[in-house]
Protein backbone atom coordinates (compact mmCIF):
# COMPACT_ATOMS: atom_id res chain seq x y z
CA MET A 1 0.01 -0.06 0.01
CA THR A 2 1.12 3.38 -0.72
CA GLU A 3 1.65 5.87 2.05
CA PRO A 4 -1.34 8.30 2.63
CA PRO A 5 -0.21 11.77 2.23
CA ALA A 6 0.80 13.16 5.32
CA PRO A 7 -0.54 16.30 7.03
CA ARG A 8 1.62 19.37 7.05
CA ARG A 9 0.50 20.76 10.13
CA PRO A 10 1.88 22.05 12.60
CA GLY A 11 4.79 23.96 11.45
CA ARG A 12 3.90 23.56 7.64
CA THR A 13 5.86 25.49 5.09
CA ALA A 14 3.24 27.25 3.09
CA ARG A 15 1.80 28.59 6.36
CA THR A 16 5.08 29.78 7.32
CA ASP A 17 5.60 31.42 3.86
CA SER A 18 2.27 33.07 4.25
CA LEU A 19 3.07 34.58 7.61
CA THR A 20 6.45 35.64 6.20
CA GLY A 21 4.73 37.15 3.26
CA ARG A 22 2.46 39.28 5.42
CA VAL A 23 5.22 40.28 7.70
CA ALA A 24 7.32 41.31 4.54
CA ALA A 25 4.35 43.21 3.19
CA ALA A 26 3.87 44.91 6.54
CA ALA A 27 7.77 46.00 6.31
CA ARG A 28 7.40 47.26 2.85
CA VAL A 29 4.35 49.28 3.99
CA THR A 30 6.47 50.90 6.74
CA LEU A 31 9.54 51.27 4.17
CA VAL A 32 7.33 52.99 1.82
CA ALA A 33 6.01 55.64 4.08
CA ALA A 34 9.77 56.38 5.15
CA ALA A 35 10.39 56.27 1.41
CA SER A 36 7.46 58.63 0.68
CA THR A 37 8.65 61.36 3.22
CA LEU A 38 12.39 61.27 1.84
CA LEU A 39 10.74 61.48 -1.56
CA ALA A 40 8.58 64.39 -0.56
CA GLY A 41 11.62 66.67 -0.52
CA CYS A 42 13.43 65.13 -3.51
CA THR A 43 13.62 65.49 -7.20
CA VAL A 44 14.45 62.72 -9.41
CA ILE A 45 17.29 63.78 -12.07
CA PRO A 46 17.64 61.21 -15.03
CA VAL A 47 21.04 60.48 -15.93
CA PRO A 48 21.67 59.77 -19.64
CA ALA A 49 21.73 56.21 -20.57
CA SER A 50 25.29 56.39 -22.14
CA SER A 51 26.67 57.21 -18.51
CA GLY A 52 26.31 53.79 -17.49
CA THR A 53 25.08 54.77 -13.94
CA ALA A 54 21.86 54.58 -12.37
CA SER A 55 18.74 55.92 -13.93
CA GLY A 56 18.23 58.67 -11.45
CA ALA A 57 19.59 60.61 -8.58
CA VAL A 58 18.06 61.96 -5.73
CA THR A 59 18.71 65.71 -4.97
CA SER A 60 17.44 67.52 -1.91
CA THR A 61 14.96 70.36 -2.51
CA SER A 62 12.77 72.38 -0.37
CA SER A 63 9.50 71.73 -2.38
CA THR A 64 6.34 70.46 -0.49
CA THR A 65 3.49 68.13 -1.15
CA PRO A 66 0.69 70.23 -2.47
CA ALA A 67 -2.61 70.27 -0.53
CA GLY A 68 -5.14 67.79 -1.81
CA SER A 69 -2.61 65.38 -3.06
CA SER A 70 -4.23 61.82 -3.49
CA GLN A 71 -1.04 60.30 -2.08
CA PRO A 72 -0.05 61.78 1.35
CA GLY A 73 3.65 62.38 1.32
CA HIS A 74 4.03 61.96 -2.32
CA PRO A 75 4.78 65.04 -4.59
CA SER A 76 1.87 65.31 -7.00
CA SER A 77 4.25 66.57 -9.68
CA LEU A 78 7.81 66.86 -10.13
CA ALA A 79 10.06 69.73 -11.46
CA PRO A 80 11.06 69.75 -14.99
CA SER A 81 14.41 67.90 -15.32
CA PRO A 82 17.15 70.31 -16.68
CA LEU A 83 18.02 67.31 -19.25
CA SER A 84 14.42 66.85 -20.53
CA SER A 85 13.95 67.94 -24.00
CA GLU A 86 10.12 68.37 -23.55
CA PRO A 87 9.23 69.67 -19.69
CA ALA A 88 5.61 68.90 -18.71
CA SER A 89 3.58 71.94 -19.46
CA THR A 90 0.01 70.49 -18.87
CA ALA A 91 -1.69 69.04 -15.73
CA GLU A 92 -2.18 65.58 -17.73
CA SER A 93 1.46 65.24 -18.41
CA ALA A 94 2.23 65.86 -14.76
CA SER A 95 -0.19 63.37 -13.63
CA THR A 96 1.45 60.63 -16.01
CA ALA A 97 4.82 61.66 -14.84
CA GLU A 98 4.30 60.97 -11.31
CA PRO A 99 4.00 57.22 -11.27
CA LEU A 100 7.24 56.94 -13.68
CA ALA A 101 9.19 59.50 -11.46
CA ALA A 102 8.11 57.57 -8.16
CA ALA A 103 9.25 54.30 -9.88
CA SER A 104 12.63 55.72 -10.73
CA ALA A 105 13.10 57.13 -7.08
CA ALA A 106 12.02 53.57 -5.90
CA ALA A 107 14.80 52.14 -8.25
CA THR A 108 17.24 54.78 -6.76
CA LEU A 109 16.49 53.72 -3.15
CA THR A 110 16.65 50.01 -4.01
CA GLU A 111 20.18 50.57 -5.35
CA PHE A 112 21.77 53.10 -2.89
CA LEU A 113 20.10 52.28 0.15
CA ASP A 114 19.65 48.56 -0.23
CA PHE A 115 16.08 48.56 0.15
CA PRO A 116 13.81 46.17 -0.92
CA ASP A 117 12.11 46.96 -4.29
CA LEU A 118 9.83 49.62 -3.39
CA THR A 119 8.22 50.18 -7.06
CA PRO A 120 5.14 47.97 -6.76
CA LEU A 121 4.22 49.96 -3.54
CA LEU A 122 5.03 53.43 -5.13
CA VAL A 123 2.41 52.61 -7.78
CA PRO A 124 -0.72 54.46 -6.53
CA SER A 125 -3.69 52.56 -5.43
CA PRO A 126 -7.04 53.84 -6.54
CA ASP A 127 -8.96 56.34 -4.31
CA PRO A 128 -12.19 54.50 -2.56
CA GLU A 129 -14.13 57.84 -3.29
CA VAL A 130 -13.33 57.84 -6.90
CA LEU A 131 -13.68 54.10 -7.32
CA GLY A 132 -16.87 53.53 -5.42
CA PRO A 133 -19.32 55.37 -7.66
CA LEU A 134 -18.01 53.76 -10.66
CA LEU A 135 -18.38 50.24 -9.54
CA ALA A 136 -21.71 51.11 -7.89
CA GLU A 137 -22.86 52.08 -11.42
CA ALA A 138 -21.22 48.96 -12.99
CA LEU A 139 -22.55 46.50 -10.74
CA THR A 140 -26.09 47.59 -11.02
CA VAL A 141 -28.46 44.67 -11.85
CA GLN A 142 -32.36 44.59 -12.49
CA ASP A 143 -33.12 41.87 -9.99
CA GLY A 144 -31.77 40.46 -6.89
CA SER A 145 -28.51 41.87 -5.27
CA VAL A 146 -24.74 42.09 -5.62
CA SER A 147 -22.17 41.68 -2.90
CA ALA A 148 -18.79 43.13 -3.75
CA ALA A 149 -15.31 43.50 -2.25
CA VAL A 150 -12.05 45.23 -3.81
CA ARG A 151 -8.83 44.77 -1.75
CA ASP A 152 -5.55 46.09 -2.46
CA GLY A 153 -3.14 43.35 -3.44
CA LEU A 154 -0.23 44.65 -1.36
CA THR A 155 -1.82 46.21 1.84
CA GLY A 156 -4.82 44.33 2.02
CA GLU A 157 -6.80 47.45 2.42
CA LEU A 158 -10.72 47.20 1.54
CA LEU A 159 -10.98 49.80 -1.14
CA TYR A 160 -14.85 48.79 -2.10
CA ASP A 161 -17.43 47.36 0.03
CA GLN A 162 -20.80 46.62 -1.12
CA GLY A 163 -22.30 44.20 1.41
CA ALA A 164 -18.76 42.74 1.71
CA ASP A 165 -19.07 40.80 4.86
CA THR A 166 -22.53 39.44 4.11
CA ALA A 167 -22.36 35.59 3.36
CA VAL A 168 -23.89 34.81 0.29
CA VAL A 169 -24.00 31.76 -2.23
CA PRO A 170 -20.52 31.98 -4.30
CA ALA A 171 -21.23 29.17 -6.80
CA SER A 172 -17.96 27.89 -7.94
CA ALA A 173 -15.84 30.65 -6.17
CA VAL A 174 -15.81 28.05 -3.80
CA LYS A 175 -12.95 26.50 -5.77
CA VAL A 176 -10.64 29.28 -5.01
CA LEU A 177 -10.82 28.37 -1.20
CA THR A 178 -10.44 24.50 -2.02
CA ALA A 179 -7.32 25.27 -3.98
CA VAL A 180 -5.76 27.14 -1.24
CA ALA A 181 -6.69 24.58 1.39
CA ALA A 182 -5.24 21.87 -0.80
CA LEU A 183 -2.02 23.52 -1.55
CA GLU A 184 -1.64 24.49 2.08
CA VAL A 185 -2.20 20.88 3.50
CA LEU A 186 -0.92 18.72 0.56
CA GLY A 187 1.84 21.18 -0.79
CA PRO A 188 2.03 22.22 -4.46
CA ASP A 189 4.54 19.41 -5.55
CA HIS A 190 2.32 16.68 -3.94
CA ARG A 191 1.61 13.91 -6.38
CA TYR A 192 -1.15 11.23 -6.10
CA THR A 193 0.03 7.50 -6.64
CA THR A 194 -2.07 4.85 -8.30
CA ALA A 195 -0.66 1.38 -7.88
CA ALA A 196 -1.20 -2.12 -8.97
CA VAL A 197 -0.65 -4.77 -6.18
CA GLY A 198 -0.12 -8.41 -6.82
CA VAL A 199 -1.80 -10.70 -4.48
CA PRO A 200 -1.67 -14.64 -4.56
CA ALA A 201 -5.47 -15.59 -5.17
CA GLY A 202 -6.32 -19.41 -4.88
CA PRO A 203 -4.66 -22.17 -6.77
CA GLU A 204 -2.54 -21.24 -9.74
CA GLY A 205 -4.26 -17.70 -9.54
CA THR A 206 -3.06 -14.07 -9.08
CA ALA A 207 -5.09 -11.12 -8.42
CA VAL A 208 -3.82 -7.57 -9.39
CA VAL A 209 -5.49 -5.11 -7.08
CA LEU A 210 -5.69 -1.51 -8.70
CA ASP A 211 -5.35 0.73 -5.49
CA ALA A 212 -6.97 3.93 -5.83
CA GLY A 213 -4.58 7.04 -4.60
CA GLY A 214 -6.93 9.92 -5.14
CA ASP A 215 -6.08 10.70 -8.88
CA VAL A 216 -9.16 11.59 -10.71
CA MET A 217 -7.22 12.89 -13.64
CA LEU A 218 -5.72 9.62 -14.92
CA GLY A 219 -5.39 9.05 -18.43
CA THR A 220 -6.51 5.85 -20.68
CA GLY A 221 -3.09 5.57 -22.39
CA ALA A 222 0.41 6.08 -22.00
CA ASN A 223 1.59 9.00 -19.39
CA ALA A 224 1.18 12.37 -21.03
CA GLU A 225 2.64 15.86 -20.63
CA GLU A 226 -0.81 17.51 -19.77
CA ALA A 227 -1.82 17.64 -16.15
CA ASN A 228 -5.21 15.74 -17.44
CA GLY A 229 -4.05 12.38 -18.11
CA ARG A 230 -0.37 12.85 -16.88
CA ALA A 231 -0.66 9.38 -15.02
CA GLY A 232 -1.66 6.72 -17.69
CA LEU A 233 -3.40 3.55 -17.26
CA GLY A 234 -1.56 2.28 -20.28
CA THR A 235 1.71 2.84 -18.68
CA LEU A 236 0.80 1.26 -15.55
CA ALA A 237 -0.50 -1.64 -17.13
CA LEU A 238 2.61 -2.00 -19.28
CA LYS A 239 4.57 -1.77 -15.85
CA THR A 240 2.35 -4.34 -14.42
CA ALA A 241 2.74 -6.91 -17.25
CA GLU A 242 6.50 -6.60 -17.36
CA ALA A 243 6.51 -7.10 -13.39
CA LEU A 244 4.07 -10.26 -13.87
CA GLN A 245 6.69 -11.50 -16.66
CA ALA A 246 9.76 -10.87 -14.38
CA GLN A 247 7.95 -12.81 -11.47
CA GLY A 248 7.16 -15.71 -14.12
CA THR A 249 3.51 -15.48 -13.49
CA THR A 250 1.37 -17.82 -15.10
CA GLY A 251 -2.25 -19.02 -15.00
CA THR A 252 -5.47 -16.82 -14.30
CA VAL A 253 -4.91 -13.14 -13.35
CA SER A 254 -7.86 -11.31 -12.18
CA VAL A 255 -8.25 -7.49 -11.58
CA HIS A 256 -10.05 -6.06 -8.62
CA LEU A 257 -10.30 -2.55 -7.66
CA ASP A 258 -10.07 -0.95 -4.13
CA ASP A 259 -11.34 2.50 -4.13
CA SER A 260 -12.61 2.27 -0.55
CA GLY A 261 -10.78 5.47 0.73
CA TYR A 262 -13.54 7.90 0.74
CA GLU A 263 -16.67 7.61 2.79
CA GLY A 264 -20.49 8.93 2.81
CA PRO A 265 -22.66 9.32 -0.36
CA THR A 266 -20.98 10.11 -3.82
CA ALA A 267 -23.27 12.51 -4.54
CA SER A 268 -24.28 15.53 -2.17
CA PRO A 269 -27.72 15.58 -0.62
CA ASP A 270 -27.23 19.40 -0.95
CA TRP A 271 -27.04 19.35 -4.62
CA SER A 272 -29.87 19.85 -7.08
CA SER A 273 -31.33 16.53 -8.49
CA ASP A 274 -30.03 17.15 -11.82
CA ILE A 275 -26.38 17.90 -11.20
CA VAL A 276 -25.05 14.26 -11.93
CA SER A 277 -27.63 13.55 -14.82
CA SER A 278 -26.77 16.67 -16.39
CA GLY A 279 -22.87 15.97 -16.26
CA ASN A 280 -21.78 18.62 -13.86
CA ALA A 281 -20.37 15.90 -11.84
CA SER A 282 -20.59 12.05 -11.36
CA ALA A 283 -20.24 9.71 -8.49
CA VAL A 284 -17.26 11.15 -6.05
CA GLN A 285 -14.84 8.48 -6.30
CA PRO A 286 -10.98 8.36 -5.36
CA MET A 287 -9.92 7.17 -8.93
CA ALA A 288 -11.25 8.37 -12.30
CA THR A 289 -10.25 9.22 -15.86
CA TYR A 290 -9.96 12.79 -17.21
CA GLY A 291 -12.17 13.98 -14.08
CA GLY A 292 -14.76 11.33 -14.65
CA ARG A 293 -14.81 11.28 -18.34
CA ALA A 294 -13.96 8.63 -20.75
CA VAL A 295 -12.17 11.14 -22.99
CA PRO A 296 -10.07 14.43 -22.16
CA SER A 297 -12.94 16.98 -23.17
CA ARG A 298 -14.99 19.17 -21.27
CA ASP A 299 -18.10 18.42 -23.57
CA THR A 300 -18.73 14.82 -23.04
CA ASP A 301 -20.96 13.17 -20.49
CA ARG A 302 -19.47 12.07 -17.13
CA LEU A 303 -19.17 8.38 -16.41
CA HIS A 304 -21.92 6.62 -14.10
CA ASP A 305 -18.98 4.83 -12.17
CA PRO A 306 -15.48 6.35 -13.08
CA ALA A 307 -13.46 4.29 -10.73
CA LEU A 308 -14.57 1.10 -12.05
CA TYR A 309 -14.38 2.19 -15.69
CA ALA A 310 -10.76 3.12 -14.83
CA ALA A 311 -10.32 -0.44 -13.69
CA GLU A 312 -11.72 -1.77 -16.63
CA VAL A 313 -9.41 0.24 -18.98
CA PHE A 314 -6.40 -0.90 -16.96
CA ARG A 315 -7.66 -4.54 -17.35
CA ASP A 316 -8.20 -4.25 -21.11
CA GLN A 317 -4.74 -2.69 -21.27
CA LEU A 318 -3.19 -5.12 -19.06
CA ALA A 319 -4.51 -8.07 -21.38
CA ALA A 320 -3.03 -6.26 -24.58
CA HIS A 321 0.50 -5.69 -23.13
CA ALA A 322 0.25 -9.27 -21.57
CA GLN A 323 -0.16 -10.64 -25.26
CA THR A 324 2.44 -8.56 -26.66
CA LEU A 325 5.07 -9.58 -24.09
CA GLY A 326 4.17 -13.45 -24.77
CA LEU A 327 2.90 -14.13 -21.08
CA ASP A 328 1.38 -17.49 -20.46
CA ILE A 329 -1.57 -15.77 -18.69
CA THR A 330 -5.35 -15.39 -18.98
CA LEU A 331 -7.15 -12.44 -17.80
CA ALA A 332 -10.26 -12.95 -16.04
CA ALA A 333 -13.13 -11.38 -18.03
CA LYS A 334 -14.73 -9.37 -14.95
CA THR A 335 -13.17 -6.52 -13.17
CA SER A 336 -14.53 -6.72 -9.40
CA ARG A 337 -14.64 -4.54 -6.30
CA GLU A 338 -14.95 -7.90 -4.40
CA PRO A 339 -12.25 -8.66 -1.99
CA VAL A 340 -9.47 -10.84 -2.91
CA GLU A 341 -9.56 -14.42 -1.73
CA PRO A 342 -6.02 -14.93 -0.74
CA ALA A 343 -4.26 -18.28 -1.19
CA PRO A 344 -3.89 -20.23 2.13
CA THR A 345 -0.33 -20.13 3.15
CA ALA A 346 1.07 -20.99 6.81
CA PRO A 347 3.43 -18.06 7.46
CA THR A 348 6.57 -18.61 9.34
CA PRO A 349 7.34 -17.07 12.69
CA ALA A 350 9.66 -14.51 10.96
CA GLU A 351 6.73 -13.63 8.49
CA SER A 352 4.24 -13.27 11.18
CA SER A 353 6.24 -10.71 13.11
CA SER A 354 7.12 -8.61 10.06
CA SER A 355 5.00 -6.14 8.24
CA PRO A 356 3.89 -6.79 4.75
CA SER A 357 5.40 -5.19 1.63
CA SER A 358 2.10 -3.98 0.40
CA SER A 359 -1.54 -4.04 1.01
CA PRO A 360 -4.46 -2.95 -1.04
CA SER A 361 -6.49 -1.58 1.26
CA SER A 362 -6.48 1.95 -0.62
CA SER A 363 -3.68 4.22 -0.57
CA LEU A 364 -5.71 7.04 0.84
CA SER A 365 -6.50 5.42 4.17
CA ALA A 366 -5.81 7.89 6.90
CA SER A 367 -5.96 5.28 9.50
CA PRO A 368 -5.79 1.37 9.69
CA SER A 369 -8.84 -0.36 8.36
CA SER A 370 -11.29 -1.23 11.19
CA SER A 371 -12.53 -4.04 9.26
CA ALA A 372 -12.57 -7.61 11.09
CA GLU A 373 -11.46 -9.21 7.70
CA PRO A 374 -7.55 -9.71 7.41
CA GLU A 375 -6.35 -7.81 4.66
CA PRO A 376 -4.37 -9.85 1.84
CA THR A 377 -0.65 -9.30 1.81
CA GLY A 378 0.59 -8.22 -1.41
CA THR A 379 3.40 -6.74 -3.33
CA GLU A 380 3.52 -3.53 -5.39
CA LEU A 381 4.02 -4.40 -8.82
CA ALA A 382 3.98 -1.19 -10.61
CA SER A 383 2.91 2.76 -9.98
CA VAL A 384 2.16 6.05 -11.80
CA GLN A 385 1.98 9.45 -10.34
CA SER A 386 -0.16 12.27 -11.25
CA ALA A 387 0.77 15.78 -12.17
CA PRO A 388 1.92 17.91 -9.17
CA LEU A 389 -1.01 19.36 -7.14
CA ALA A 390 -0.21 22.80 -8.28
CA GLU A 391 -0.85 21.94 -11.95
CA GLN A 392 -3.92 20.02 -11.11
CA MET A 393 -5.32 23.05 -9.21
CA ALA A 394 -4.69 25.26 -12.05
CA TYR A 395 -6.51 22.85 -14.39
CA MET A 396 -9.22 22.60 -11.87
CA LEU A 397 -9.74 26.48 -11.73
CA GLN A 398 -9.24 26.72 -15.60
CA THR A 399 -11.96 24.47 -16.52
CA SER A 400 -14.14 24.67 -13.22
CA ASP A 401 -14.07 21.04 -12.72
CA ASN A 402 -16.36 19.98 -10.13
CA GLN A 403 -15.00 16.31 -10.10
CA VAL A 404 -11.55 17.37 -9.47
CA ALA A 405 -12.64 19.83 -6.91
CA GLU A 406 -14.70 17.13 -4.79
CA ALA A 407 -11.88 14.60 -5.03
CA THR A 408 -9.39 17.25 -3.98
CA GLY A 409 -11.67 18.18 -1.15
CA ARG A 410 -11.55 14.66 0.28
CA ASN A 411 -7.99 14.17 -0.32
CA LEU A 412 -6.80 17.19 1.69
CA ALA A 413 -9.60 16.01 4.53
CA LEU A 414 -7.96 12.58 4.70
CA ALA A 415 -4.46 14.19 4.67
CA ALA A 416 -5.39 16.34 7.82
CA GLY A 417 -7.30 13.32 9.44
CA ALA A 418 -10.57 14.05 8.88
CA PRO A 419 -13.19 11.74 6.82
CA GLY A 420 -12.90 11.72 3.38
CA SER A 421 -16.61 12.81 2.68
CA PHE A 422 -18.43 15.91 2.00
CA ALA A 423 -18.61 17.11 5.74
CA GLY A 424 -14.83 16.27 6.37
CA ALA A 425 -13.79 18.29 3.21
CA ALA A 426 -15.95 21.51 3.96
CA GLN A 427 -14.74 21.26 7.53
CA THR A 428 -11.22 20.94 6.68
CA ILE A 429 -11.38 23.67 4.24
CA GLU A 430 -12.83 26.13 6.54
CA GLN A 431 -10.42 25.07 9.41
CA THR A 432 -7.38 25.54 7.13
CA LEU A 433 -8.50 29.01 5.85
CA ALA A 434 -8.79 29.92 9.68
CA GLU A 435 -5.37 28.85 10.13
CA LEU A 436 -4.33 31.21 7.47
CA GLU A 437 -5.68 34.01 9.22
CA VAL A 438 -8.94 34.25 6.93
CA ASP A 439 -11.77 35.38 9.10
CA THR A 440 -14.28 32.48 8.59
CA THR A 441 -17.06 34.00 10.59
CA GLY A 442 -20.49 33.13 9.06
CA MET A 443 -18.73 30.98 6.36
CA ALA A 444 -20.80 27.84 5.77
CA LEU A 445 -19.20 25.04 3.23
CA VAL A 446 -21.41 21.71 2.40
CA ASP A 447 -19.01 20.90 -0.66
CA ALA A 448 -15.65 21.40 -2.28
CA SER A 449 -17.02 22.57 -5.62
CA GLY A 450 -19.52 25.27 -5.22
CA LEU A 451 -22.23 23.19 -6.62
CA SER A 452 -24.50 23.51 -3.72
CA GLY A 453 -26.93 26.71 -3.14
CA GLN A 454 -26.14 25.87 0.57
CA ASN A 455 -22.63 27.30 0.62
CA LEU A 456 -22.42 30.67 2.09
CA VAL A 457 -19.16 32.91 1.84
CA SER A 458 -18.77 36.53 1.80
CA ALA A 459 -16.99 38.57 -0.89
CA ALA A 460 -14.40 39.93 1.78
CA GLN A 461 -13.74 36.10 2.68
CA LEU A 462 -12.96 35.25 -1.09
CA THR A 463 -10.74 38.31 -1.50
CA ALA A 464 -8.79 37.37 2.06
CA ALA A 465 -8.10 33.99 0.60
CA LEU A 466 -6.56 35.26 -2.58
CA GLN A 467 -4.61 37.65 -0.73
CA VAL A 468 -3.16 34.85 1.24
CA ALA A 469 -2.70 32.89 -1.84
CA THR A 470 -0.68 35.96 -3.41
CA THR A 471 1.61 36.18 -0.45
CA ALA A 472 2.81 32.75 0.05
CA PRO A 473 4.79 30.98 -2.68
CA ASP A 474 3.52 27.49 -2.09
CA LEU A 475 -0.39 28.88 -2.43
CA GLU A 476 0.18 31.01 -5.52
CA ALA A 477 -1.19 28.70 -7.85
CA ALA A 478 -4.70 29.40 -6.59
CA ALA A 479 -4.22 32.83 -7.87
CA THR A 480 -1.79 32.47 -10.93
CA GLY A 481 -4.07 29.17 -12.36
CA LEU A 482 -7.21 31.29 -12.55
CA PRO A 483 -8.73 31.67 -16.18
CA VAL A 484 -7.58 34.80 -18.35
CA ALA A 485 -10.51 37.20 -19.51
CA GLY A 486 -10.43 37.01 -23.29
CA GLU A 487 -7.69 34.45 -23.46
CA GLN A 488 -8.07 30.96 -21.29
CA GLY A 489 -10.31 28.81 -19.46
CA THR A 490 -14.24 29.90 -18.53
CA LEU A 491 -13.06 33.42 -19.46
CA GLU A 492 -12.00 32.61 -22.90
CA GLN A 493 -15.08 34.40 -24.46
CA ARG A 494 -15.91 37.16 -21.75
CA MET A 495 -14.39 40.64 -21.84
CA ALA A 496 -12.53 40.26 -25.07
CA GLY A 497 -11.55 43.52 -26.50
CA THR A 498 -11.65 45.53 -23.39
CA ASP A 499 -9.06 46.71 -20.81
CA ALA A 500 -9.83 43.28 -18.84
CA ALA A 501 -8.73 41.14 -21.71
CA GLY A 502 -5.42 39.41 -20.81
CA ASN A 503 -5.42 41.29 -17.49
CA VAL A 504 -8.25 40.01 -15.27
CA GLN A 505 -7.51 36.57 -13.94
CA ALA A 506 -10.72 35.11 -12.15
CA LYS A 507 -12.72 32.45 -11.28
CA THR A 508 -16.34 32.34 -12.71
CA GLY A 509 -19.30 31.03 -10.89
CA THR A 510 -22.56 29.88 -12.29
CA LEU A 511 -25.60 28.48 -10.45
CA SER A 512 -29.47 28.79 -11.45
CA SER A 513 -29.63 32.12 -9.72
CA VAL A 514 -26.07 32.87 -9.12
CA ALA A 515 -23.29 34.66 -11.16
CA SER A 516 -19.85 35.62 -9.64
CA LEU A 517 -16.39 36.49 -10.55
CA THR A 518 -13.58 36.43 -8.32
CA GLY A 519 -9.84 37.39 -9.04
CA THR A 520 -6.97 39.70 -9.77
CA VAL A 521 -6.51 42.55 -11.79
CA GLN A 522 -4.13 45.27 -12.43
CA THR A 523 -5.06 49.03 -12.84
CA GLU A 524 -3.86 51.22 -15.54
CA ASP A 525 -1.25 52.31 -13.29
CA GLY A 526 0.00 48.73 -12.38
CA ARG A 527 -1.55 48.32 -8.96
CA THR A 528 -2.69 45.03 -8.21
CA LEU A 529 -6.24 44.63 -6.94
CA LEU A 530 -8.16 41.39 -5.37
CA PHE A 531 -12.02 41.39 -6.13
CA SER A 532 -14.95 39.37 -5.58
CA PHE A 533 -18.35 40.31 -7.41
CA VAL A 534 -21.41 37.86 -6.18
CA ALA A 535 -24.74 38.31 -7.69
CA ASN A 536 -27.47 36.42 -6.01
CA ASN A 537 -31.36 35.78 -6.57
CA GLN A 538 -30.88 36.34 -10.05
CA PRO A 539 -33.66 35.52 -12.65
CA GLY A 540 -33.56 33.62 -16.01
CA VAL A 541 -30.28 32.90 -18.00
CA LEU A 542 -28.06 35.30 -15.64
CA THR A 543 -27.00 37.39 -19.01
CA ASN A 544 -27.70 40.59 -16.87
CA ALA A 545 -25.78 39.54 -13.84
CA ARG A 546 -22.91 38.19 -15.88
CA PHE A 547 -22.45 41.37 -17.86
CA ALA A 548 -22.83 43.34 -14.28
CA VAL A 549 -19.86 41.29 -12.91
CA ASP A 550 -17.67 41.55 -15.92
CA ARG A 551 -18.43 45.31 -16.10
CA GLY A 552 -17.04 45.57 -12.50
CA ALA A 553 -13.87 43.96 -13.50
CA VAL A 554 -13.32 46.00 -16.55
CA VAL A 555 -13.71 49.39 -14.53
CA LEU A 556 -10.97 47.97 -12.24
CA ALA A 557 -8.89 47.22 -15.42
CA GLY A 558 -9.25 50.77 -16.81
CA CYS A 559 -9.26 52.61 -13.53
CA GLY A 560 -6.48 54.98 -12.19
CA CYS A 561 -9.41 56.36 -10.11
CA ARG A 562 -7.45 59.02 -8.28
């Protein structure tokens, strides 16, 4: 049996990185305040490029910050450089020069004073009083309500609050929370292992037990480069056939499936009755091909029993490779979940006191099996590993794959010592976010995908989770893996041709009466903002609500708002 993923608490590196990131962010805020004071009495004088020296020099002046400046302590304009061929002569050019001059000063401070790079902090943040009316207009809907939060990505300051602390139905924005929790508990480099275990079974017989390890993105053929299908059942079958050949196996070989790692219902009672029949998800099991599909496509129907289908694909591939290798074996026609009947043996005293080399009791089990039946001892014949978790999370967010989200929720719950169930996943996600210092007051999760209309999360909590992801290297895939407006994933056809295209990265969310958008954006000045817009109680086909949340993102992308 492969080892279950070990919990990373206490003292998990991602949490340490997160705390370090927040401490560093606070330190940068302190530094920028000091730098701003220094810069208030300085003029940046560019140096000709041919000199090979720094791009600017700081010289003391007696100028003061004009009253009413949107950035206290920052000069609203700078004196024309004596080396400038075209000194600024209008208010517009002075305003444009301000961020550039500040960036130049930041580079100078970085080089001469050995400060951290202050450039991002010197990029101006939107003024809430200017931003507010623009967003209020953009987020207007004909019916229902819109909750919204916009947060400064560097300081965490809430720049816009429209019912930001109200718990609402977020739809698939829940997947952002699942990704953050999974990356924290399991780690971005974690890989799921799917193993084939050989067990003697009766006279002249061998059982190969396919031990599910939590990977629901298995491929049906050889190992692949893409995250979806990285671990190939064809490769696993070939390796297994070669191992059987090396052992001199003959006679009948049967394939059994052990997918006992999860517990509870395979479909949530909190889901709409048509969730499974519509193909939004299938039975939640610890093994599947292509997210519960027979082929790698978002447009095909989900399988009724994805784990058994994967085992049958493995059995067929094993038979084909055994024939190619010339093995003198016969594959049993039926692939079964029934326990293996081990061949009777009399263990020696030495064998009785030693641990088995492998046991097909499911590699996901968080604790020893409580079954009264003895588990057959076996030997691992072969195994394959999934893409790293960070890649799987990026795929899940890009495609909004519900099957991957629900399996991930159970996997992280098991790793944390909780039950591999809907309740165990929801509880562990909430607990992990709380440990990452996200205020979870009022949060109520019932699944890991957002398919249920019973999930309740506030816009402020969603942006807080994103802020954690953007300040901890181990968690960054929860932000960098989001769809890109007008280019990738579920946003490929949205906001094209606007300031948001290629800029906004956000998780879409859709239920029968919900449309949400949660992600990151850079303003026209280059300031990173985190946002969440959640429209609830929406009628019809959600067109109006989708346009509203998209308009909000476009406003942020095109906003200097100072």
